[in-house]
Amino acid sequence: MQRYPTKQIKIRDVLIGGDAPISVQSMTFSKTKDVKGTLEQIQRLYFAGCDIVRCAVFDKEDASALKQIVASSPIPVVADIHFNHTYALIVSEFVDAIRINPGNIGSAKNIKAVVDACKQRNLPIRIGVNSGSLEKQFEDRYGRTVEAMVESAMYNIKLL
């Protein structure tokens, strides 16, 4: 497989990019506030060969539960932030990385607040976009297309 030169980053003890081995990432489907159920899923993923796990953060209860989950997880935990950037500010204190979808986080000001919090811990941020949650400016210009998603991602990467 041909690999392209990329910057290497570290999520807890897992190297990504550069010449690092390709890592496997999955996502839990439990409600993150269900600490026991989420940790059981993470254990199953870990034993199946998963290197990194994402957990959804929809509310303050999910954000609070993640602290215990991260402390008990055998693999790095990425907080998948939905709809409210303040959840990213809360979990940036203890998670291994953050994933945001700029289309549902809000303004450039909110994204900057998340970036500033993550910089304090040298915490990786994954920008994830999908056609279902594009910023209005990109959806209006391009529709729900690949071009709109690329433009959204590039715009938000520049904010980082």
Foldseek 3Di string as FASTA:
>chain_A
DDDDQDDWDDQPHAIDGHPGDDAAEEEDPDQLLPLVVRQVVLVVCVVVRHAEYEYEDDDPSSLVSVQVNCVPHPHFYEYEYFQELVSLLSNLVHGRAYEYAVLRHDDLVSLLVSVVSNVVVVHYYHHDYALVRQHPVLCVVPNSDPVSRVVRVVVSVVSD
